[in-house]
Amino acid sequence: MTTTAIAGVYGITDSTLMPGDALLCKSEAALRAGLRILQYRDKSDDAARRLREAAALHALCRDYGALFVVNDDAALAAKIAAPALHVGREDAPLAELRRHFGGSLCIGVSCYDDLARAERAQAEGADYVAFGAFFPSPSKPDTSRAPLHLLREARRRLQVPVVAIGGIRADNGADLLAAGADALAVISALFGSADVAAAMRRLQALFVLAGGSQTMEES
């Protein structure tokens, strides 16, 4: 396990919201406004483009002191020496990833609405776990809904950071933080905005109001 801090706004890219040059432009706008965790998520089969984009985003995150996370692709993470990887139930087992990468890679695990899965992930060396979707999500419309009380129970039973995901916006995230989420993972609420920096400030304000560690920064 790593000592990487997982807290605050957790941005996730979306190729439909960030086509072409918009991927880097919107990502940099969010990073400039204070984003400190950025996950590259692209399910296409264009390996060459994905490699180029991931490498460029990794470099951008280094420039801004942000954690760069590769979604669901251990081989891509290895190629660009990414500091973090996020995996789901269809990906390689966590124990296998730990054997391959050792303890230096930050690994997050999607746990959906399953607290037992999160406890297993923690025992196997996960650095953080993610629950959701808590609200209807355009990126994953068929994902099972996670209840709010799951976060309260997770906070009592887990020591690793907890990320909430799924349809989260500035107007519905406060309850998730109050229930125990350390980070809020967002896609449309950040990168679907015409003004990414303003959207970032609205999301950061949730943590300020909740007494979180992430403070608002000027863009």
C-alpha atoms as a PDB file:
ATOM      1  CA  MET A   1       0.000   0.000   0.000  1.00  0.00           C
ATOM      2  CA  THR A   2       1.071   3.578  -0.626  1.00  0.00           C
ATOM      3  CA  THR A   3       0.716   6.673   1.528  1.00  0.00           C
ATOM      4  CA  THR A   4      -0.976   8.670  -1.260  1.00  0.00           C
ATOM      5  CA  ALA A   5      -3.728  10.933   0.074  1.00  0.00           C
ATOM      6  CA  ILE A   6      -7.095  10.254  -1.556  1.00  0.00           C
ATOM      7  CA  ALA A   7      -9.372  13.150  -0.672  1.00  0.00           C
ATOM      8  CA  GLY A   8     -11.238  15.994  -2.294  1.00  0.00           C
ATOM      9  CA  VAL A   9     -12.506  16.231  -5.843  1.00  0.00           C
ATOM     10  CA  TYR A  10     -11.578  13.186  -7.943  1.00  0.00           C
ATOM     11  CA  GLY A  11     -11.937  13.966 -11.648  1.00  0.00           C
ATOM     12  CA  ILE A  12     -12.557  11.245 -14.236  1.00  0.00           C
ATOM     13  CA  THR A  13     -12.159  11.890 -17.948  1.00  0.00           C
ATOM     14  CA  ASP A  14     -14.814  11.032 -20.519  1.00  0.00           C
ATOM     15  CA  SER A  15     -14.021  10.928 -24.236  1.00  0.00           C
ATOM     16  CA  THR A  16     -17.555  11.981 -25.185  1.00  0.00           C
ATOM     17  CA  LEU A  17     -17.300  15.132 -23.056  1.00  0.00           C
ATOM     18  CA  MET A  18     -13.633  15.737 -23.904  1.00  0.00           C
ATOM     19  CA  PRO A  19     -13.056  14.811 -27.560  1.00  0.00           C
ATOM     20  CA  GLY A  20      -9.761  15.563 -29.264  1.00  0.00           C
ATOM     21  CA  ASP A  21      -7.893  18.554 -27.881  1.00  0.00           C
ATOM     22  CA  ALA A  22     -10.587  19.106 -25.250  1.00  0.00           C
ATOM     23  CA  LEU A  23      -9.141  16.227 -23.213  1.00  0.00           C
ATOM     24  CA  LEU A  24      -5.976  18.117 -22.345  1.00  0.00           C
ATOM     25  CA  CYS A  25      -7.582  21.565 -22.326  1.00  0.00           C
ATOM     26  CA  LYS A  26     -10.340  20.639 -19.884  1.00  0.00           C
ATOM     27  CA  SER A  27      -8.008  18.539 -17.757  1.00  0.00           C
ATOM     28  CA  GLU A  28      -5.555  21.407 -17.422  1.00  0.00           C
ATOM     29  CA  ALA A  29      -8.347  23.835 -16.578  1.00  0.00           C
ATOM     30  CA  ALA A  30      -9.412  21.558 -13.727  1.00  0.00           C
ATOM     31  CA  LEU A  31      -5.850  21.052 -12.525  1.00  0.00           C
ATOM     32  CA  ARG A  32      -5.178  24.776 -12.625  1.00  0.00           C
ATOM     33  CA  ALA A  33      -8.295  25.311 -10.507  1.00  0.00           C
ATOM     34  CA  GLY A  34      -7.083  22.864  -7.862  1.00  0.00           C
ATOM     35  CA  LEU A  35      -7.909  19.303  -8.957  1.00  0.00           C
ATOM     36  CA  ARG A  36      -5.434  16.919  -7.331  1.00  0.00           C
ATOM     37  CA  ILE A  37      -6.667  13.509  -8.547  1.00  0.00           C
ATOM     38  CA  LEU A  38      -7.316  12.788 -12.230  1.00  0.00           C
ATOM     39  CA  GLN A  39      -8.312   9.416 -13.616  1.00  0.00           C
ATOM     40  CA  TYR A  40      -7.963   8.606 -17.311  1.00  0.00           C
ATOM     41  CA  ARG A  41     -10.937   6.496 -18.355  1.00  0.00           C
ATOM     42  CA  ASP A  42     -11.269   5.444 -21.991  1.00  0.00           C
ATOM     43  CA  LYS A  43     -12.904   2.184 -23.043  1.00  0.00           C
ATOM     44  CA  SER A  44     -12.038   2.415 -26.755  1.00  0.00           C
ATOM     45  CA  ASP A  45      -9.839  -0.131 -28.520  1.00  0.00           C
ATOM     46  CA  ASP A  46      -7.502   2.515 -30.008  1.00  0.00           C
ATOM     47  CA  ALA A  47      -4.423   1.502 -28.039  1.00  0.00           C
ATOM     48  CA  ALA A  48      -2.080   3.963 -29.743  1.00  0.00           C
ATOM     49  CA  ARG A  49      -4.304   6.953 -29.012  1.00  0.00           C
ATOM     50  CA  ARG A  50      -4.887   5.828 -25.455  1.00  0.00           C
ATOM     51  CA  LEU A  51      -1.141   5.543 -24.901  1.00  0.00           C
ATOM     52  CA  ARG A  52      -0.565   9.068 -26.261  1.00  0.00           C
ATOM     53  CA  GLU A  53      -3.356  10.556 -24.193  1.00  0.00           C
ATOM     54  CA  ALA A  54      -2.391   8.777 -20.998  1.00  0.00           C
ATOM     55  CA  ALA A  55       1.246   9.829 -21.339  1.00  0.00           C
ATOM     56  CA  ALA A  56       0.240  13.447 -21.962  1.00  0.00           C
ATOM     57  CA  LEU A  57      -2.132  13.512 -18.988  1.00  0.00           C
ATOM     58  CA  HIS A  58       0.468  11.867 -16.775  1.00  0.00           C
ATOM     59  CA  ALA A  59       2.950  14.623 -17.654  1.00  0.00           C
ATOM     60  CA  LEU A  60       0.304  17.286 -17.042  1.00  0.00           C
ATOM     61  CA  CYS A  61      -0.514  15.867 -13.623  1.00  0.00           C
ATOM     62  CA  ARG A  62       3.173  15.845 -12.709  1.00  0.00           C
ATOM     63  CA  ASP A  63       3.384  19.527 -13.631  1.00  0.00           C
ATOM     64  CA  TYR A  64       0.510  20.344 -11.271  1.00  0.00           C
ATOM     65  CA  GLY A  65       1.455  17.971  -8.469  1.00  0.00           C
ATOM     66  CA  ALA A  66      -1.666  15.852  -8.985  1.00  0.00           C
ATOM     67  CA  LEU A  67      -2.118  12.100  -8.754  1.00  0.00           C
ATOM     68  CA  PHE A  68      -2.679  10.461 -12.155  1.00  0.00           C
ATOM     69  CA  VAL A  69      -4.788   7.302 -12.185  1.00  0.00           C
ATOM     70  CA  VAL A  70      -5.244   4.857 -15.072  1.00  0.00           C
ATOM     71  CA  ASN A  71      -8.631   3.158 -15.205  1.00  0.00           C
ATOM     72  CA  ASP A  72      -8.862  -0.602 -15.753  1.00  0.00           C
ATOM     73  CA  ASP A  73      -5.638  -1.050 -17.744  1.00  0.00           C
ATOM     74  CA  ALA A  74      -2.648  -2.404 -15.840  1.00  0.00           C
ATOM     75  CA  ALA A  75      -0.583  -2.763 -19.017  1.00  0.00           C
ATOM     76  CA  LEU A  76      -1.078   0.899 -19.899  1.00  0.00           C
ATOM     77  CA  ALA A  77      -0.248   1.952 -16.350  1.00  0.00           C
ATOM     78  CA  ALA A  78       2.982  -0.052 -16.556  1.00  0.00           C
ATOM     79  CA  LYS A  79       3.960   1.406 -19.947  1.00  0.00           C
ATOM     80  CA  ILE A  80       3.834   4.988 -18.747  1.00  0.00           C
ATOM     81  CA  ALA A  81       4.872   4.265 -15.149  1.00  0.00           C
ATOM     82  CA  ALA A  82       1.618   5.715 -13.850  1.00  0.00           C
ATOM     83  CA  PRO A  83       1.548   6.183 -10.078  1.00  0.00           C
ATOM     84  CA  ALA A  84      -1.978   4.817  -9.669  1.00  0.00           C
ATOM     85  CA  LEU A  85      -4.413   2.284 -11.115  1.00  0.00           C
ATOM     86  CA  HIS A  86      -8.146   1.830 -10.573  1.00  0.00           C
ATOM     87  CA  VAL A  87      -9.733  -1.578 -11.126  1.00  0.00           C
ATOM     88  CA  GLY A  88     -13.204  -3.116 -11.161  1.00  0.00           C
ATOM     89  CA  ARG A  89     -14.663  -6.575 -10.768  1.00  0.00           C
ATOM     90  CA  GLU A  90     -13.754  -7.616 -14.326  1.00  0.00           C
ATOM     91  CA  ASP A  91     -10.071  -6.735 -13.975  1.00  0.00           C
ATOM     92  CA  ALA A  92      -7.068  -8.674 -12.671  1.00  0.00           C
ATOM     93  CA  PRO A  93      -7.305  -9.692  -8.995  1.00  0.00           C
ATOM     94  CA  LEU A  94      -5.801  -7.202  -6.585  1.00  0.00           C
ATOM     95  CA  ALA A  95      -3.417  -9.778  -5.119  1.00  0.00           C
ATOM     96  CA  GLU A  96      -2.060 -10.481  -8.598  1.00  0.00           C
ATOM     97  CA  LEU A  97      -1.572  -6.769  -9.280  1.00  0.00           C
ATOM     98  CA  ARG A  98       0.269  -6.347  -5.996  1.00  0.00           C
ATOM     99  CA  ARG A  99       2.610  -9.204  -6.870  1.00  0.00           C
ATOM    100  CA  HIS A 100       3.324  -7.626 -10.239  1.00  0.00           C
ATOM    101  CA  PHE A 101       3.661  -3.976  -9.223  1.00  0.00           C
ATOM    102  CA  GLY A 102       4.754  -4.280  -5.615  1.00  0.00           C
ATOM    103  CA  GLY A 103       3.719  -1.768  -3.010  1.00  0.00           C
ATOM    104  CA  SER A 104       4.652   1.435  -4.828  1.00  0.00           C
ATOM    105  CA  LEU A 105       1.558   1.619  -7.061  1.00  0.00           C
ATOM    106  CA  CYS A 106      -1.545   3.237  -5.588  1.00  0.00           C
ATOM    107  CA  ILE A 107      -4.450   0.888  -6.363  1.00  0.00           C
ATOM    108  CA  GLY A 108      -8.115   1.744  -5.990  1.00  0.00           C
ATOM    109  CA  VAL A 109     -10.946  -0.758  -6.246  1.00  0.00           C
ATOM    110  CA  SER A 110     -14.548  -0.292  -7.363  1.00  0.00           C
ATOM    111  CA  CYS A 111     -16.843  -1.898  -4.790  1.00  0.00           C
ATOM    112  CA  TYR A 112     -20.232  -0.771  -6.135  1.00  0.00           C
ATOM    113  CA  ASP A 113     -22.732  -1.359  -3.297  1.00  0.00           C
ATOM    114  CA  ASP A 114     -20.766  -4.227  -1.733  1.00  0.00           C
ATOM    115  CA  LEU A 115     -19.139  -3.553   1.638  1.00  0.00           C
ATOM    116  CA  ALA A 116     -17.811  -7.116   1.892  1.00  0.00           C
ATOM    117  CA  ARG A 117     -15.935  -6.593  -1.376  1.00  0.00           C
ATOM    118  CA  ALA A 118     -14.422  -3.429   0.085  1.00  0.00           C
ATOM    119  CA  GLU A 119     -13.288  -5.264   3.210  1.00  0.00           C
ATOM    120  CA  ARG A 120     -11.624  -7.932   1.062  1.00  0.00           C
ATOM    121  CA  ALA A 121      -9.956  -5.260  -1.049  1.00  0.00           C
ATOM    122  CA  GLN A 122      -8.602  -3.543   2.048  1.00  0.00           C
ATOM    123  CA  ALA A 123      -7.255  -6.848   3.372  1.00  0.00           C
ATOM    124  CA  GLU A 124      -5.534  -7.504   0.035  1.00  0.00           C
ATOM    125  CA  GLY A 125      -3.795  -4.133   0.013  1.00  0.00           C
ATOM    126  CA  ALA A 126      -6.103  -1.652  -1.718  1.00  0.00           C
ATOM    127  CA  ASP A 127      -5.135   1.963  -1.133  1.00  0.00           C
ATOM    128  CA  TYR A 128      -8.719   3.174  -1.432  1.00  0.00           C
ATOM    129  CA  VAL A 129     -12.161   1.859  -2.329  1.00  0.00           C
ATOM    130  CA  ALA A 130     -14.982   3.423  -4.334  1.00  0.00           C
ATOM    131  CA  PHE A 131     -18.713   2.956  -3.815  1.00  0.00           C
ATOM    132  CA  GLY A 132     -21.567   3.904  -6.147  1.00  0.00           C
ATOM    133  CA  ALA A 133     -23.516   4.849  -8.062  1.00  0.00           C
ATOM    134  CA  PHE A 134     -25.268   6.986  -5.464  1.00  0.00           C
ATOM    135  CA  PHE A 135     -27.315   8.884  -8.043  1.00  0.00           C
ATOM    136  CA  PRO A 136     -28.369   8.202 -11.645  1.00  0.00           C
ATOM    137  CA  SER A 137     -25.208   8.252 -13.746  1.00  0.00           C
ATOM    138  CA  PRO A 138     -25.105   8.951 -17.496  1.00  0.00           C
ATOM    139  CA  SER A 139     -21.732   7.205 -17.789  1.00  0.00           C
ATOM    140  CA  LYS A 140     -22.984   3.992 -16.132  1.00  0.00           C
ATOM    141  CA  PRO A 141     -26.780   3.902 -16.424  1.00  0.00           C
ATOM    142  CA  ASP A 142     -27.067   0.218 -15.503  1.00  0.00           C
ATOM    143  CA  THR A 143     -24.919   0.340 -12.364  1.00  0.00           C
ATOM    144  CA  SER A 144     -26.641  -0.752  -9.153  1.00  0.00           C
ATOM    145  CA  ARG A 145     -27.560   2.068  -6.770  1.00  0.00           C
ATOM    146  CA  ALA A 146     -25.630   2.368  -3.516  1.00  0.00           C
ATOM    147  CA  PRO A 147     -27.515   3.606  -0.419  1.00  0.00           C
ATOM    148  CA  LEU A 148     -26.227   6.513   1.629  1.00  0.00           C
ATOM    149  CA  HIS A 149     -25.955   4.429   4.798  1.00  0.00           C
ATOM    150  CA  LEU A 150     -23.308   2.312   3.048  1.00  0.00           C
ATOM    151  CA  LEU A 151     -20.860   5.185   3.466  1.00  0.00           C
ATOM    152  CA  ARG A 152     -21.567   5.425   7.193  1.00  0.00           C
ATOM    153  CA  GLU A 153     -20.980   1.708   7.634  1.00  0.00           C
ATOM    154  CA  ALA A 154     -17.841   1.828   5.475  1.00  0.00           C
ATOM    155  CA  ARG A 155     -16.489   4.670   7.580  1.00  0.00           C
ATOM    156  CA  ARG A 156     -16.891   2.520  10.691  1.00  0.00           C
ATOM    157  CA  ARG A 157     -15.408  -0.653   9.241  1.00  0.00           C
ATOM    158  CA  LEU A 158     -12.660   0.515   6.888  1.00  0.00           C
ATOM    159  CA  GLN A 159      -9.371   2.292   7.414  1.00  0.00           C
ATOM    160  CA  VAL A 160      -8.649   3.105   3.764  1.00  0.00           C
ATOM    161  CA  PRO A 161     -10.059   6.242   2.097  1.00  0.00           C
ATOM    162  CA  VAL A 162     -13.561   5.994   0.667  1.00  0.00           C
ATOM    163  CA  VAL A 163     -14.538   7.503  -2.687  1.00  0.00           C
ATOM    164  CA  ALA A 164     -18.162   8.090  -3.683  1.00  0.00           C
ATOM    165  CA  ILE A 165     -19.113   8.002  -7.360  1.00  0.00           C
ATOM    166  CA  GLY A 166     -22.136   8.138  -9.609  1.00  0.00           C
ATOM    167  CA  GLY A 167     -24.146  11.166 -10.689  1.00  0.00           C
ATOM    168  CA  ILE A 168     -22.489  13.439  -8.128  1.00  0.00           C
ATOM    169  CA  ARG A 169     -22.898  17.202  -8.542  1.00  0.00           C
ATOM    170  CA  ALA A 170     -22.278  20.295  -6.472  1.00  0.00           C
ATOM    171  CA  ASP A 171     -25.924  20.252  -5.374  1.00  0.00           C
ATOM    172  CA  ASN A 172     -26.023  16.664  -4.095  1.00  0.00           C
ATOM    173  CA  GLY A 173     -22.525  15.878  -2.843  1.00  0.00           C
ATOM    174  CA  ALA A 174     -22.780  17.357   0.654  1.00  0.00           C
ATOM    175  CA  ASP A 175     -24.731  14.414   2.075  1.00  0.00           C
ATOM    176  CA  LEU A 176     -22.086  11.994   0.804  1.00  0.00           C
ATOM    177  CA  LEU A 177     -19.351  13.886   2.629  1.00  0.00           C
ATOM    178  CA  ALA A 178     -21.449  14.045   5.788  1.00  0.00           C
ATOM    179  CA  ALA A 179     -21.932  10.267   5.586  1.00  0.00           C
ATOM    180  CA  GLY A 180     -18.192   9.654   5.449  1.00  0.00           C
ATOM    181  CA  ALA A 181     -16.870   9.942   1.892  1.00  0.00           C
ATOM    182  CA  ASP A 182     -13.306  11.235   1.668  1.00  0.00           C
ATOM    183  CA  ALA A 183     -13.470  12.027  -2.041  1.00  0.00           C
ATOM    184  CA  LEU A 184     -16.169  12.668  -4.619  1.00  0.00           C
ATOM    185  CA  ALA A 185     -15.545  11.233  -8.076  1.00  0.00           C
ATOM    186  CA  VAL A 186     -17.099  13.354 -10.815  1.00  0.00           C
ATOM    187  CA  ILE A 187     -17.304  13.253 -14.586  1.00  0.00           C
ATOM    188  CA  SER A 188     -20.158  15.316 -16.045  1.00  0.00           C
ATOM    189  CA  ALA A 189     -20.319  17.747 -13.116  1.00  0.00           C
ATOM    190  CA  LEU A 190     -16.768  18.809 -13.907  1.00  0.00           C
ATOM    191  CA  PHE A 191     -15.900  18.037 -17.508  1.00  0.00           C
ATOM    192  CA  GLY A 192     -19.415  18.492 -18.857  1.00  0.00           C
ATOM    193  CA  SER A 193     -19.350  22.131 -17.807  1.00  0.00           C
ATOM    194  CA  ALA A 194     -18.662  24.951 -20.256  1.00  0.00           C
ATOM    195  CA  ASP A 195     -16.565  26.550 -17.500  1.00  0.00           C
ATOM    196  CA  VAL A 196     -14.489  23.787 -15.920  1.00  0.00           C
ATOM    197  CA  ALA A 197     -12.725  26.110 -13.475  1.00  0.00           C
ATOM    198  CA  ALA A 198     -16.029  27.436 -12.140  1.00  0.00           C
ATOM    199  CA  ALA A 199     -17.384  23.899 -11.843  1.00  0.00           C
ATOM    200  CA  MET A 200     -14.257  22.912  -9.944  1.00  0.00           C
ATOM    201  CA  ARG A 201     -14.717  25.768  -7.485  1.00  0.00           C
ATOM    202  CA  ARG A 202     -18.323  24.755  -6.846  1.00  0.00           C
ATOM    203  CA  LEU A 203     -17.233  21.199  -6.096  1.00  0.00           C
ATOM    204  CA  GLN A 204     -14.351  22.342  -3.884  1.00  0.00           C
ATOM    205  CA  ALA A 205     -16.778  24.454  -1.888  1.00  0.00           C
ATOM    206  CA  LEU A 206     -18.461  21.257  -0.694  1.00  0.00           C
ATOM    207  CA  PHE A 207     -15.255  20.243   1.076  1.00  0.00           C
ATOM    208  CA  VAL A 208     -14.762  23.701   2.561  1.00  0.00           C
ATOM    209  CA  LEU A 209     -18.289  23.661   3.971  1.00  0.00           C
ATOM    210  CA  ALA A 210     -17.794  20.118   5.256  1.00  0.00           C
ATOM    211  CA  GLY A 211     -14.536  21.094   6.944  1.00  0.00           C
ATOM    212  CA  GLY A 212     -12.521  18.952   4.530  1.00  0.00           C
ATOM    213  CA  SER A 213      -8.843  19.301   3.800  1.00  0.00           C
ATOM    214  CA  GLN A 214      -9.198  20.554   0.245  1.00  0.00           C
ATOM    215  CA  THR A 215      -9.360  24.336   0.050  1.00  0.00           C
ATOM    216  CA  MET A 216     -10.509  26.525  -2.767  1.00  0.00           C
ATOM    217  CA  GLU A 217      -7.829  27.843  -5.064  1.00  0.00           C
ATOM    218  CA  GLU A 218      -7.924  30.668  -7.548  1.00  0.00           C
ATOM    219  CA  SER A 219      -7.843  29.674 -11.197  1.00  0.00           C
END
